[in-house]
Amino acid sequence: MSDPLQSPRSPAERAATGKAARAGAPRSSHGEWAPASDRSDPVELLEGQATSRVGQLVPLRYARMLASPFAFYRGAAAVMAADLAGTARSGFDVQLCGDAHLSNFGAYASPDRELVFDVNDFDETLPGPWEWDAMRLAASFAVAGRESGFKRGERTAIVAAGMAEYREAMRRLAELGNLEVWYTKMDVPTVAERWGAAAGEKEREAFRRNLAKTQAKDRMRALSKLTREVDGRLRIVSEPPLIVPIDELAAETGANVEARVLEALADYRATLSEDRRALLDSYRFVDAALKVVGVGSVGTRAWVVLMLGRDDGDPLFLQVKEAQRSVLEPYAAPSAFENQGERVVQGQRLVQAASDIMLGWVKTTGIDGQRRDFYVRQLWDMKGSVKVERMDPPALTAYAQICGTTLAHAHARSGDRIAIAAYLGKSDTFDKAMAAFAETYADQNEADYAALQSAAEDGRVEVMQPPD
C-alpha cells in the first residue's frame, strides 16, 4: 500500500518498479508451489482456532466443513494462510479481503438500494501481498470445478480465464484517474449481461430465480422468518443450537443479558457518523439472540438484534459478529487497529465500492465475563451469492472472469495499480502459473479434507450434525 508521506512518483516510475519486481519474483514462480517439509498439521491448525470459539459449536463447524472438499476449503482459510506465507511475492501490498474464495463474492444492496456485485466477506481482511487473495480465488475455482466433475483441462481454462481478467482489469484501472478508480463498481445488471452471454437458458433461469431470492432477502423477510408474536410482542424464534434468544440465555446463565446487549449497542453507536446515529436512535430495542453463521465462522460469537422503528412493520435487524485476529496476521504485519471489529469495518470500507451504512464496531463483555471485539452490520440486506454447482464450464468461466475483475477493482483502491499492472504485463505467463498452482493446491485441499475426515472417524475431533 502507498505511503502518503512519499513524494508522488510518476506513472512511468511506478510501472518501472512493477517490471523490475519480476526479477525477484518471476511471474512463472506463482505456479511453483509444494507443501513445506515442516508444514503444519491442518487439523492442528483448525484445533488451534477452536480454542477461542464457543466449545459446543465447534463440532457443528467440523460437520459443515466435512460436507465436501469445497466446504472444507471455505472453512480452512487459516490452513491456506500458512501455506501462502512462503510463496513468491512481488512486493506490492493491498488491503486484502483475506478469504477471497468464489463464494465470498456476491450481490448486496448499496446505500442507494442498487444491487451491486463485490467482495462481501472481510473477517480476515488485512494489508498484505495482493497475490494471496488472487491465489485463494484461483484455487477455489479448481476445487469447485472438481466438485462439479469438470475435466482438468476445463478447470485449468476456467482459472486461467479468471486470472487473465484480473490482469487485464488491473491494466485498465492503471489508465484511470484516482477518483475514477474509487467510483468504479460492478452492478448486478452488468454481471447478468456478462455471465448470461455464456450461460445456457436453464442457468439463466436459475440466475433469475436466485436474483429474486436475493432481492427478497431483506429486513421484511427476516421479520417473517426469524420472529413470532408472543403475548402481543415480537420475539426472535428459538432454534437451539442455531438460534438462542436472550431470555433463554439469561435463564441458563443467570446474567442480565439484555442489559449487556443494550450497553454494547450504546458503545457501537459511538462508532457511527452523526447522521447514522440519528437513524439508529429512531429505532428501539426489542430482542436479541445468539445465531450461528457461515462455515468458517461457526463457533465465533454472533448475535442478531431486532429493533423496531415506526411500528411493528418497520424492523431493523443488526448482526453483531465477533471479530478475532485475522488468520493472515501471523504471516503479515499486525493490524493497525487494536479492535478487531474496527479492522474488519475499515478494511471493508477500503475494499468495497459501496458499503453498509450501519457498519460499526464495539468491544463488549460477553455473558461469560470475557471482553471481545465485534463488528456490526445489517442482517440480510439483500445479500446473496451464486450457485456455482449449477454452472457448466462456460458459465463458470464467465463467473471466474467477473470475480477476477471485481478483485482487481478491490485491490486497485488501496494498492499501486500501476506497478501491479506493469508486473503482470500483457502476456499470459501469470495466468498459466496461477492455473498450475490452483490444481496443485486443490490436490492439497483434498488431502487436508481427508485428514479431517480421519480425525473425525478416529474421534480426535467431535462432529455434530445440525438439527433438521
Protein backbone atom coordinates (compact mmCIF):
# COMPACT_ATOMS: atom_id res chain seq x y z
CA MET A 1 0.00 0.00 0.00
CA SER A 2 1.22 3.51 -0.75
CA ASP A 3 2.92 5.73 1.83
CA PRO A 4 1.20 9.15 1.96
CA LEU A 5 4.46 10.73 3.15
CA GLN A 6 6.31 9.78 -0.01
CA SER A 7 6.63 12.24 -2.84
CA PRO A 8 4.30 11.30 -5.70
CA ARG A 9 6.01 9.20 -8.33
CA SER A 10 5.17 9.39 -11.99
CA PRO A 11 3.22 6.59 -13.69
CA ALA A 12 6.37 5.72 -15.64
CA GLU A 13 8.38 5.33 -12.43
CA ARG A 14 5.69 3.17 -10.85
CA ALA A 15 5.48 0.99 -13.96
CA ALA A 16 9.25 0.58 -13.97
CA THR A 17 9.12 -0.55 -10.35
CA GLY A 18 6.49 -3.12 -11.29
CA LYS A 19 8.51 -4.55 -14.16
CA ALA A 20 11.65 -4.64 -12.03
CA ALA A 21 9.85 -6.79 -9.46
CA ARG A 22 9.79 -9.66 -11.96
CA ALA A 23 13.50 -10.19 -11.26
CA GLY A 24 12.88 -11.12 -7.64
CA ALA A 25 9.53 -12.84 -8.20
CA PRO A 26 9.17 -14.10 -11.78
CA ARG A 27 5.53 -14.37 -12.81
CA SER A 28 6.00 -18.07 -13.55
CA SER A 29 7.10 -18.63 -9.94
CA HIS A 30 3.50 -18.32 -8.75
CA GLY A 31 2.85 -21.75 -10.23
CA GLU A 32 5.70 -23.41 -8.33
CA TRP A 33 4.12 -24.48 -5.05
CA ALA A 34 4.76 -27.54 -2.92
CA PRO A 35 3.94 -28.14 0.75
CA ALA A 36 6.81 -27.24 3.06
CA SER A 37 8.71 -30.11 4.64
CA ASP A 38 7.70 -28.80 8.07
CA ARG A 39 4.11 -28.00 7.03
CA SER A 40 1.76 -27.76 9.98
CA ASP A 41 -0.86 -30.43 10.52
CA PRO A 42 -4.07 -28.90 9.03
CA VAL A 43 -6.26 -30.44 11.72
CA GLU A 44 -3.96 -29.00 14.38
CA LEU A 45 -4.38 -25.54 12.86
CA LEU A 46 -8.16 -25.91 12.96
CA GLU A 47 -8.00 -27.15 16.55
CA GLY A 48 -5.94 -24.08 17.41
CA GLN A 49 -8.68 -21.85 16.05
CA ALA A 50 -11.26 -23.80 18.06
CA THR A 51 -9.70 -22.80 21.38
CA SER A 52 -11.10 -19.27 21.10
CA ARG A 53 -14.55 -20.34 19.92
CA VAL A 54 -17.74 -21.48 21.62
CA GLY A 55 -16.84 -25.05 22.52
CA GLN A 56 -20.24 -26.61 21.95
CA LEU A 57 -20.42 -25.15 18.43
CA VAL A 58 -17.02 -26.36 17.21
CA PRO A 59 -18.41 -29.85 16.37
CA LEU A 60 -21.01 -28.13 14.18
CA ARG A 61 -18.22 -26.28 12.38
CA TYR A 62 -16.44 -29.54 11.64
CA ALA A 63 -19.70 -31.06 10.38
CA ARG A 64 -20.18 -28.20 7.94
CA MET A 65 -16.59 -28.42 6.74
CA LEU A 66 -16.92 -32.17 6.18
CA ALA A 67 -19.84 -31.71 3.78
CA SER A 68 -17.42 -31.64 0.81
CA PRO A 69 -13.85 -30.65 -0.16
CA PHE A 70 -15.16 -27.23 -1.17
CA ALA A 71 -16.92 -26.76 2.18
CA PHE A 72 -13.63 -27.69 3.83
CA TYR A 73 -11.81 -25.14 1.66
CA ARG A 74 -14.23 -22.42 2.74
CA GLY A 75 -13.52 -23.12 6.39
CA ALA A 76 -9.78 -23.65 6.05
CA ALA A 77 -8.58 -20.07 5.46
CA ALA A 78 -6.12 -20.47 8.34
CA VAL A 79 -4.62 -23.55 6.71
CA MET A 80 -4.11 -21.81 3.38
CA ALA A 81 -2.77 -18.66 5.03
CA ALA A 82 0.08 -20.71 6.46
CA ASP A 83 0.77 -22.19 3.02
CA LEU A 84 0.71 -18.82 1.25
CA ALA A 85 3.19 -17.28 3.67
CA GLY A 86 6.11 -18.91 1.87
CA THR A 87 5.03 -18.16 -1.70
CA ALA A 88 6.63 -15.70 -4.11
CA ARG A 89 5.53 -12.10 -3.82
CA SER A 90 6.19 -9.06 -5.98
CA GLY A 91 6.36 -6.67 -3.03
CA PHE A 92 3.16 -4.70 -3.61
CA ASP A 93 0.68 -4.75 -0.76
CA VAL A 94 -3.05 -4.04 -0.89
CA GLN A 95 -5.91 -4.22 1.59
CA LEU A 96 -6.68 -7.92 1.28
CA CYS A 97 -10.09 -9.48 1.56
CA GLY A 98 -8.14 -12.22 3.30
CA ASP A 99 -10.54 -15.00 2.31
CA ALA A 100 -11.22 -14.32 -1.36
CA HIS A 101 -12.76 -17.65 -2.39
CA LEU A 102 -15.51 -17.58 -5.01
CA SER A 103 -18.38 -17.83 -2.50
CA ASN A 104 -17.23 -14.64 -0.80
CA PHE A 105 -18.19 -12.63 -3.88
CA GLY A 106 -21.82 -11.76 -4.38
CA ALA A 107 -24.63 -9.26 -4.54
CA TYR A 108 -25.79 -6.90 -1.83
CA ALA A 109 -27.73 -3.65 -1.59
CA SER A 110 -25.76 -0.41 -1.77
CA PRO A 111 -26.91 2.61 0.27
CA ASP A 112 -28.86 3.86 -2.74
CA ARG A 113 -30.58 0.44 -2.85
CA GLU A 114 -28.92 -0.60 -6.09
CA LEU A 115 -27.77 -4.22 -6.21
CA VAL A 116 -24.01 -4.31 -6.65
CA PHE A 117 -21.58 -7.20 -7.02
CA ASP A 118 -18.42 -7.14 -4.93
CA VAL A 119 -16.32 -8.92 -2.35
CA ASN A 120 -18.61 -9.39 0.64
CA ASP A 121 -16.69 -11.06 3.46
CA PHE A 122 -13.98 -9.32 5.46
CA ASP A 123 -13.44 -11.30 8.64
CA GLU A 124 -9.80 -11.89 7.63
CA THR A 125 -9.06 -8.52 5.97
CA LEU A 126 -5.55 -7.16 6.48
CA PRO A 127 -2.92 -5.38 4.38
CA GLY A 128 -0.72 -7.88 2.59
CA PRO A 129 0.55 -9.18 -0.77
CA TRP A 130 -2.09 -8.96 -3.49
CA GLU A 131 -1.01 -12.43 -4.62
CA TRP A 132 -2.57 -14.05 -1.54
CA ASP A 133 -6.10 -13.01 -2.50
CA ALA A 134 -5.54 -13.97 -6.13
CA MET A 135 -4.23 -17.43 -5.16
CA ARG A 136 -7.10 -18.05 -2.75
CA LEU A 137 -9.57 -17.14 -5.51
CA ALA A 138 -7.81 -19.19 -8.19
CA ALA A 139 -7.69 -22.35 -6.10
CA SER A 140 -11.35 -22.02 -5.15
CA PHE A 141 -12.33 -22.39 -8.81
CA ALA A 142 -10.20 -25.51 -9.17
CA VAL A 143 -11.77 -27.03 -6.05
CA ALA A 144 -15.28 -26.10 -7.19
CA GLY A 145 -14.61 -27.41 -10.69
CA ARG A 146 -13.60 -30.79 -9.29
CA GLU A 147 -16.76 -30.93 -7.23
CA SER A 148 -18.78 -30.33 -10.40
CA GLY A 149 -16.95 -33.13 -12.21
CA PHE A 150 -15.15 -30.91 -14.72
CA LYS A 151 -12.11 -32.28 -16.54
CA ARG A 152 -8.67 -30.96 -15.69
CA GLY A 153 -8.41 -29.04 -18.97
CA GLU A 154 -11.73 -27.35 -18.26
CA ARG A 155 -10.68 -26.38 -14.75
CA THR A 156 -7.35 -25.04 -15.97
CA ALA A 157 -9.08 -22.93 -18.61
CA ILE A 158 -11.54 -21.55 -16.02
CA VAL A 159 -8.80 -20.48 -13.62
CA ALA A 160 -6.62 -19.02 -16.38
CA ALA A 161 -9.56 -17.00 -17.71
CA GLY A 162 -10.30 -15.57 -14.26
CA MET A 163 -6.68 -14.61 -13.67
CA ALA A 164 -6.37 -13.15 -17.17
CA GLU A 165 -9.35 -10.94 -16.38
CA TYR A 166 -7.74 -9.86 -13.11
CA ARG A 167 -4.61 -8.94 -15.06
CA GLU A 168 -6.45 -7.12 -17.84
CA ALA A 169 -8.75 -5.30 -15.41
CA MET A 170 -5.74 -4.08 -13.45
CA ARG A 171 -4.20 -2.81 -16.67
CA ARG A 172 -7.40 -0.93 -17.48
CA LEU A 173 -7.56 0.53 -13.99
CA ALA A 174 -3.93 1.64 -14.25
CA GLU A 175 -5.01 4.03 -17.02
CA LEU A 176 -7.74 5.67 -14.92
CA GLY A 177 -7.54 8.60 -12.53
CA ASN A 178 -7.71 8.01 -8.81
CA LEU A 179 -11.30 9.18 -8.39
CA GLU A 180 -12.42 7.12 -11.39
CA VAL A 181 -10.94 4.04 -9.76
CA TRP A 182 -12.67 4.86 -6.49
CA TYR A 183 -16.05 5.22 -8.20
CA THR A 184 -15.71 2.06 -10.29
CA LYS A 185 -18.16 -0.66 -9.31
CA MET A 186 -19.84 -3.73 -10.74
CA ASP A 187 -23.62 -3.68 -10.68
CA VAL A 188 -25.77 -6.79 -10.91
CA PRO A 189 -27.27 -5.95 -14.35
CA THR A 190 -23.72 -5.86 -15.73
CA VAL A 191 -22.97 -9.21 -14.12
CA ALA A 192 -26.18 -10.66 -15.56
CA GLU A 193 -25.28 -9.41 -19.03
CA ARG A 194 -21.70 -10.70 -18.97
CA TRP A 195 -22.48 -14.00 -17.34
CA GLY A 196 -25.73 -14.57 -19.23
CA ALA A 197 -23.93 -14.37 -22.57
CA ALA A 198 -22.01 -17.52 -21.66
CA ALA A 199 -24.73 -19.37 -19.76
CA GLY A 200 -27.46 -21.59 -21.14
CA GLU A 201 -31.14 -20.84 -20.78
CA LYS A 202 -31.55 -23.20 -17.83
CA GLU A 203 -28.71 -21.45 -15.99
CA ARG A 204 -30.06 -18.01 -16.84
CA GLU A 205 -33.43 -19.01 -15.41
CA ALA A 206 -31.70 -20.26 -12.25
CA PHE A 207 -29.86 -16.92 -12.07
CA ARG A 208 -33.16 -15.02 -12.32
CA ARG A 209 -34.66 -17.12 -9.53
CA ASN A 210 -31.60 -16.62 -7.35
CA LEU A 211 -31.64 -12.88 -8.01
CA ALA A 212 -35.29 -12.67 -7.00
CA LYS A 213 -34.46 -14.60 -3.84
CA THR A 214 -31.61 -12.20 -3.10
CA GLN A 215 -33.82 -9.15 -3.57
CA ALA A 216 -36.41 -10.68 -1.24
CA LYS A 217 -33.81 -11.45 1.45
CA ASP A 218 -34.26 -8.20 3.28
CA ARG A 219 -35.37 -6.97 6.69
CA MET A 220 -39.01 -7.82 5.98
CA ARG A 221 -38.06 -11.37 5.09
CA ALA A 222 -36.05 -11.58 8.30
CA LEU A 223 -39.07 -10.31 10.21
CA SER A 224 -41.29 -13.10 8.91
CA LYS A 225 -38.60 -15.79 9.09
CA LEU A 226 -36.94 -15.06 12.42
CA THR A 227 -39.70 -13.68 14.64
CA ARG A 228 -43.12 -14.50 16.02
CA GLU A 229 -45.55 -12.71 18.30
CA VAL A 230 -45.53 -13.73 21.97
CA ASP A 231 -48.01 -12.11 24.36
CA GLY A 232 -48.51 -9.26 21.94
CA ARG A 233 -44.78 -8.60 21.45
CA LEU A 234 -42.40 -9.64 18.68
CA ARG A 235 -39.76 -12.16 19.73
CA ILE A 236 -36.96 -13.92 17.90
CA VAL A 237 -37.78 -17.60 17.48
CA SER A 238 -35.74 -20.18 19.37
CA GLU A 239 -33.92 -22.86 17.36
CA PRO A 240 -31.07 -24.15 19.51
CA PRO A 241 -28.19 -24.51 18.98
CA LEU A 242 -28.52 -22.35 15.85
CA ILE A 243 -30.61 -19.54 17.40
CA VAL A 244 -30.81 -18.96 21.17
CA PRO A 245 -32.78 -15.86 22.33
CA ILE A 246 -31.55 -13.75 25.24
CA ASP A 247 -34.33 -14.81 27.61
CA GLU A 248 -33.14 -18.41 27.33
CA LEU A 249 -29.52 -17.34 27.78
CA ALA A 250 -30.48 -15.33 30.86
CA ALA A 251 -32.31 -18.32 32.35
CA GLU A 252 -29.34 -20.56 31.63
CA THR A 253 -26.59 -18.26 32.91
CA GLY A 254 -28.32 -16.00 35.41
CA ALA A 255 -26.82 -12.99 33.65
CA ASN A 256 -28.71 -9.84 32.70
CA VAL A 257 -28.13 -10.44 29.01
CA GLU A 258 -30.43 -7.68 27.79
CA ALA A 259 -28.52 -5.07 29.80
CA ARG A 260 -25.26 -6.20 28.20
CA VAL A 261 -26.77 -6.05 24.71
CA LEU A 262 -28.05 -2.53 25.36
CA GLU A 263 -24.63 -1.48 26.64
CA ALA A 264 -23.00 -2.90 23.52
CA LEU A 265 -25.45 -1.05 21.27
CA ALA A 266 -24.67 2.21 23.03
CA ASP A 267 -20.92 1.72 22.52
CA TYR A 268 -21.49 0.69 18.89
CA ARG A 269 -23.49 3.89 18.36
CA ALA A 270 -20.39 5.94 19.16
CA THR A 271 -18.57 4.47 16.13
CA LEU A 272 -21.23 5.70 13.69
CA SER A 273 -21.26 9.07 11.94
CA GLU A 274 -23.71 11.63 13.31
CA ASP A 275 -26.36 11.01 10.63
CA ARG A 276 -26.23 7.23 11.21
CA ARG A 277 -26.62 7.81 14.95
CA ALA A 278 -29.77 9.77 14.30
CA LEU A 279 -31.11 6.88 12.21
CA LEU A 280 -30.23 4.32 14.89
CA ASP A 281 -31.85 6.47 17.56
CA SER A 282 -35.15 6.32 15.67
CA TYR A 283 -35.37 2.60 16.48
CA ARG A 284 -35.99 0.92 19.84
CA PHE A 285 -34.52 -2.35 21.05
CA VAL A 286 -36.93 -5.31 21.11
CA ASP A 287 -35.00 -8.60 21.28
CA ALA A 288 -31.68 -10.32 20.54
CA ALA A 289 -30.35 -13.85 20.13
CA LEU A 290 -27.16 -15.75 19.54
CA LYS A 291 -27.19 -17.02 15.93
CA VAL A 292 -24.78 -19.44 14.24
CA VAL A 293 -23.42 -18.20 10.91
CA GLY A 294 -21.37 -19.43 7.97
CA VAL A 295 -18.88 -22.29 7.70
CA GLY A 296 -15.53 -20.85 8.72
CA SER A 297 -17.20 -18.53 11.23
CA VAL A 298 -19.08 -21.24 13.13
CA GLY A 299 -18.13 -21.06 16.79
CA THR A 300 -17.38 -17.36 16.81
CA ARG A 301 -19.96 -15.40 18.75
CA ALA A 302 -22.62 -13.78 16.57
CA TRP A 303 -25.76 -12.01 17.69
CA VAL A 304 -28.82 -10.85 15.81
CA VAL A 305 -30.57 -7.80 17.28
CA LEU A 306 -34.16 -6.85 16.48
CA MET A 307 -35.13 -3.18 16.67
CA LEU A 308 -38.39 -1.51 15.63
CA GLY A 309 -38.99 1.96 14.22
CA ARG A 310 -42.30 3.48 13.18
CA ASP A 311 -44.27 0.35 14.13
CA ASP A 312 -44.02 -3.45 14.19
CA GLY A 313 -43.74 -3.43 10.41
CA ASP A 314 -40.59 -1.28 10.42
CA PRO A 315 -37.77 -3.55 11.64
CA LEU A 316 -34.04 -3.03 11.74
CA PHE A 317 -32.03 -6.23 12.14
CA LEU A 318 -28.41 -5.86 13.14
CA GLN A 319 -25.83 -8.62 13.13
CA VAL A 320 -23.21 -8.25 15.85
CA LYS A 321 -20.42 -10.62 14.86
CA GLU A 322 -17.27 -11.44 16.77
CA ALA A 323 -14.02 -10.39 15.11
CA GLN A 324 -10.94 -12.35 16.07
CA ARG A 325 -7.46 -11.72 14.76
CA SER A 326 -7.05 -12.29 11.04
CA VAL A 327 -5.67 -15.69 10.05
CA LEU A 328 -3.15 -13.72 7.98
CA GLU A 329 -1.69 -11.85 10.93
CA PRO A 330 0.96 -14.45 11.87
CA TYR A 331 2.44 -14.03 8.38
CA ALA A 332 1.91 -10.28 7.78
CA ALA A 333 2.16 -7.09 9.80
CA PRO A 334 -0.21 -6.83 12.78
CA SER A 335 -3.36 -4.80 12.25
CA ALA A 336 -3.12 -1.06 12.81
CA PHE A 337 -6.39 -1.31 14.74
CA GLU A 338 -6.49 -2.58 18.31
CA ASN A 339 -10.17 -3.51 17.99
CA GLN A 340 -10.52 -6.37 15.52
CA GLY A 341 -14.05 -5.23 14.71
CA GLU A 342 -12.67 -1.90 13.58
CA ARG A 343 -10.10 -3.79 11.50
CA VAL A 344 -12.94 -5.54 9.68
CA VAL A 345 -15.01 -2.39 9.18
CA GLN A 346 -12.16 -0.18 7.98
CA GLY A 347 -10.93 -2.93 5.66
CA GLN A 348 -14.40 -3.39 4.21
CA ARG A 349 -14.82 0.33 3.61
CA LEU A 350 -11.48 0.47 1.85
CA VAL A 351 -12.11 -2.54 -0.39
CA GLN A 352 -15.80 -2.28 -1.29
CA ALA A 353 -17.14 0.22 -3.81
CA ALA A 354 -20.23 0.70 -1.60
CA SER A 355 -20.70 -0.42 2.00
CA ASP A 356 -23.49 -0.87 4.53
CA ILE A 357 -24.44 2.44 6.16
CA MET A 358 -24.75 0.76 9.57
CA LEU A 359 -21.20 -0.63 9.72
CA GLY A 360 -19.62 -0.12 13.11
CA TRP A 361 -17.71 -1.92 15.84
CA VAL A 362 -17.66 -2.46 19.60
CA LYS A 363 -15.70 -4.13 22.39
CA THR A 364 -18.04 -5.57 24.96
CA THR A 365 -18.28 -8.02 27.83
CA GLY A 366 -19.93 -11.33 26.99
CA ILE A 367 -22.16 -13.46 29.17
CA ASP A 368 -19.04 -15.38 30.22
CA GLY A 369 -17.45 -12.17 31.51
CA GLN A 370 -14.82 -12.01 28.74
CA ARG A 371 -14.17 -8.84 26.73
CA ARG A 372 -14.30 -9.40 22.96
CA ASP A 373 -14.30 -7.39 19.75
CA PHE A 374 -17.30 -7.31 17.40
CA TYR A 375 -18.35 -5.60 14.20
CA VAL A 376 -21.92 -4.62 13.41
CA ARG A 377 -23.81 -4.58 10.12
CA GLN A 378 -27.33 -5.02 8.83
CA LEU A 379 -28.60 -8.59 8.60
CA TRP A 380 -29.94 -9.90 5.30
CA ASP A 381 -29.57 -6.63 3.39
CA MET A 382 -30.28 -8.29 0.03
CA LYS A 383 -27.07 -10.29 0.31
CA GLY A 384 -26.74 -13.28 -1.99
CA SER A 385 -24.24 -15.44 -3.85
CA VAL A 386 -24.41 -17.55 -6.98
CA LYS A 387 -24.93 -21.31 -7.07
CA VAL A 388 -21.73 -22.45 -8.75
CA GLU A 389 -22.74 -26.11 -8.52
CA ARG A 390 -25.37 -25.41 -11.18
CA MET A 391 -22.90 -23.95 -13.69
CA ASP A 392 -21.39 -25.70 -16.69
CA PRO A 393 -17.78 -24.87 -17.71
CA PRO A 394 -18.65 -21.87 -19.94
CA ALA A 395 -20.81 -20.32 -17.23
CA LEU A 396 -18.21 -20.90 -14.52
CA THR A 397 -15.56 -19.41 -16.82
CA ALA A 398 -17.63 -16.24 -17.16
CA TYR A 399 -18.13 -16.14 -13.41
CA ALA A 400 -14.38 -16.52 -12.84
CA GLN A 401 -13.81 -13.55 -15.13
CA ILE A 402 -16.35 -11.46 -13.22
CA CYS A 403 -14.67 -12.34 -9.92
CA GLY A 404 -11.27 -11.54 -11.42
CA THR A 405 -12.46 -8.10 -12.49
CA THR A 406 -14.03 -7.48 -9.10
CA LEU A 407 -10.90 -8.47 -7.20
CA ALA A 408 -8.82 -6.14 -9.37
CA HIS A 409 -11.23 -3.28 -8.55
CA ALA A 410 -10.87 -4.08 -4.84
CA HIS A 411 -7.07 -4.16 -4.94
CA ALA A 412 -6.75 -1.04 -7.09
CA ARG A 413 -8.48 1.03 -4.43
CA SER A 414 -5.67 0.56 -1.92
CA GLY A 415 -2.62 -0.72 -3.81
CA ASP A 416 -0.32 0.58 -6.53
CA ARG A 417 -2.40 -0.48 -9.53
CA ILE A 418 0.15 0.88 -11.99
CA ALA A 419 3.02 -1.15 -10.54
CA ILE A 420 0.90 -4.30 -10.23
CA ALA A 421 -0.36 -3.93 -13.81
CA ALA A 422 3.18 -3.49 -15.11
CA TYR A 423 4.35 -6.51 -13.13
CA LEU A 424 1.56 -8.66 -14.60
CA GLY A 425 2.18 -7.41 -18.14
CA LYS A 426 0.44 -8.32 -21.38
CA SER A 427 1.39 -11.99 -21.71
CA ASP A 428 -0.45 -14.95 -20.19
CA THR A 429 2.55 -16.07 -18.11
CA PHE A 430 0.85 -15.19 -14.83
CA ASP A 431 -2.47 -16.74 -15.88
CA LYS A 432 -0.85 -20.08 -16.68
CA ALA A 433 1.15 -20.06 -13.45
CA MET A 434 -1.96 -19.48 -11.37
CA ALA A 435 -3.83 -22.24 -13.16
CA ALA A 436 -0.99 -24.64 -12.33
CA PHE A 437 -0.94 -23.51 -8.70
CA ALA A 438 -4.71 -23.92 -8.40
CA GLU A 439 -4.58 -27.57 -9.46
CA THR A 440 -1.69 -28.33 -7.14
CA TYR A 441 -3.41 -26.67 -4.24
CA ALA A 442 -6.69 -28.45 -4.99
CA ASP A 443 -4.74 -31.70 -4.53
CA GLN A 444 -3.52 -30.43 -1.16
CA ASN A 445 -7.02 -29.37 -0.16
CA GLU A 446 -8.32 -32.88 -0.85
CA ALA A 447 -5.55 -34.35 1.29
CA ASP A 448 -6.36 -31.92 4.11
CA TYR A 449 -10.06 -32.73 3.81
CA ALA A 450 -9.21 -36.42 4.11
CA ALA A 451 -7.15 -35.64 7.21
CA LEU A 452 -10.16 -34.01 8.85
CA GLN A 453 -12.31 -36.99 7.86
CA SER A 454 -9.81 -39.32 9.52
CA ALA A 455 -9.70 -37.13 12.62
CA ALA A 456 -13.49 -37.33 12.85
CA GLU A 457 -13.52 -41.09 12.35
CA ASP A 458 -10.81 -41.58 14.97
CA GLY A 459 -12.63 -39.39 17.49
CA ARG A 460 -9.87 -36.77 17.52
CA VAL A 461 -12.46 -34.14 16.64
CA GLU A 462 -16.13 -34.28 17.57
CA VAL A 463 -18.72 -33.78 14.82
CA MET A 464 -22.27 -32.68 15.48
CA GLN A 465 -24.86 -32.63 12.73
CA PRO A 466 -27.24 -29.63 12.84
CA PRO A 467 -30.91 -30.24 13.63
CA ASP A 468 -33.26 -30.79 10.68
